[in-house]
Amino acid sequence: MNNETQIDLADEALARSREQAKDYEGWLGARWCVPLSVVDLLICGTAAARGLVVLHDDADYELAERHCPDVVAWRVVRADG
């Protein structure tokens, strides 16, 4: 695969991620009036489009996971010791 093909594939993946994030923004914002940040939406959209799991340490992604069926999120906590 040449560089031009890789760039085209990356552009397509980013466009799909943006569209997924826009869908989630409208869906969450309209129903709960608790919109996620643009960064959170982009992360959720990218993860959903690629079948990835979001590792997080805050409640934003738990909200997204509860209400967006394509988002899978795992809370990561650090135990001192």
Protein backbone atom coordinates (compact mmCIF):
# COMPACT_ATOMS: atom_id res chain seq x y z
CA MET A 1 0.00 0.00 0.00
CA ASN A 2 1.49 3.33 -1.00
CA ASN A 3 1.44 6.54 1.04
CA GLU A 4 -1.30 8.11 -1.05
CA THR A 5 -3.60 5.15 -0.44
CA GLN A 6 -2.85 5.24 3.29
CA ILE A 7 -3.65 8.96 3.42
CA ASP A 8 -6.93 8.38 1.55
CA LEU A 9 -7.90 5.60 3.98
CA ALA A 10 -7.04 7.78 6.97
CA ASP A 11 -9.11 10.65 5.55
CA GLU A 12 -12.08 8.33 5.02
CA ALA A 13 -11.79 6.95 8.56
CA LEU A 14 -11.63 10.45 10.02
CA ALA A 15 -14.68 11.52 8.01
CA ARG A 16 -16.63 8.48 9.29
CA SER A 17 -15.54 9.27 12.85
CA ARG A 18 -16.70 12.87 12.51
CA GLU A 19 -20.08 11.79 11.15
CA GLN A 20 -20.52 9.29 14.00
CA ALA A 21 -19.59 12.00 16.52
CA LYS A 22 -22.13 14.39 14.98
CA ASP A 23 -24.81 11.71 15.24
CA TYR A 24 -24.02 11.15 18.91
CA GLU A 25 -23.91 14.87 19.64
CA GLY A 26 -27.38 15.40 18.24
CA TRP A 27 -28.77 12.28 19.84
CA LEU A 28 -27.39 12.94 23.31
CA GLY A 29 -27.91 16.69 23.27
CA ALA A 30 -31.53 16.44 22.16
CA ARG A 31 -32.50 13.85 24.75
CA TRP A 32 -30.53 14.63 27.88
CA CYS A 33 -29.30 18.21 27.47
CA VAL A 34 -25.94 16.94 28.70
CA PRO A 35 -23.85 17.11 25.55
CA LEU A 36 -20.40 15.62 25.64
CA SER A 37 -17.45 17.77 24.63
CA VAL A 38 -16.32 17.79 21.02
CA VAL A 39 -13.24 15.79 22.02
CA ASP A 40 -15.37 13.19 23.83
CA LEU A 41 -17.64 12.88 20.79
CA LEU A 42 -14.72 12.50 18.42
CA ILE A 43 -13.23 9.79 20.63
CA CYS A 44 -16.59 7.98 20.84
CA GLY A 45 -17.16 8.29 17.09
CA THR A 46 -13.69 7.01 16.25
CA ALA A 47 -13.97 4.09 18.67
CA ALA A 48 -17.43 3.15 17.40
CA ALA A 49 -16.41 3.37 13.74
CA ARG A 50 -13.38 1.15 14.31
CA GLY A 51 -14.86 -1.24 16.88
CA LEU A 52 -12.52 -0.05 19.63
CA VAL A 53 -12.98 0.19 23.39
CA VAL A 54 -12.63 3.59 25.09
CA LEU A 55 -10.50 3.43 28.25
CA HIS A 56 -11.42 6.33 30.52
CA ASP A 57 -11.46 7.68 34.05
CA ASP A 58 -14.55 9.90 34.05
CA ALA A 59 -18.33 9.62 33.79
CA ASP A 60 -18.64 11.17 30.31
CA TYR A 61 -17.89 7.91 28.54
CA GLU A 62 -20.19 5.95 30.83
CA LEU A 63 -22.98 8.30 29.72
CA ALA A 64 -22.07 7.73 26.08
CA GLU A 65 -21.92 3.96 26.56
CA ARG A 66 -25.36 3.86 28.21
CA HIS A 67 -27.05 5.79 25.43
CA CYS A 68 -25.03 5.03 22.28
CA PRO A 69 -25.13 1.33 21.40
CA ASP A 70 -21.90 1.38 19.36
CA VAL A 71 -19.74 2.82 22.16
CA VAL A 72 -17.92 0.41 24.47
CA ALA A 73 -16.14 2.01 27.41
CA TRP A 74 -14.14 0.62 30.32
CA ARG A 75 -13.35 2.70 33.37
CA VAL A 76 -9.68 2.54 34.34
CA VAL A 77 -8.64 3.42 37.87
CA ARG A 78 -5.19 3.46 39.34
CA ALA A 79 -4.61 1.82 42.68
CA ASP A 80 -1.63 3.14 44.61
CA GLY A 81 0.50 0.44 46.00
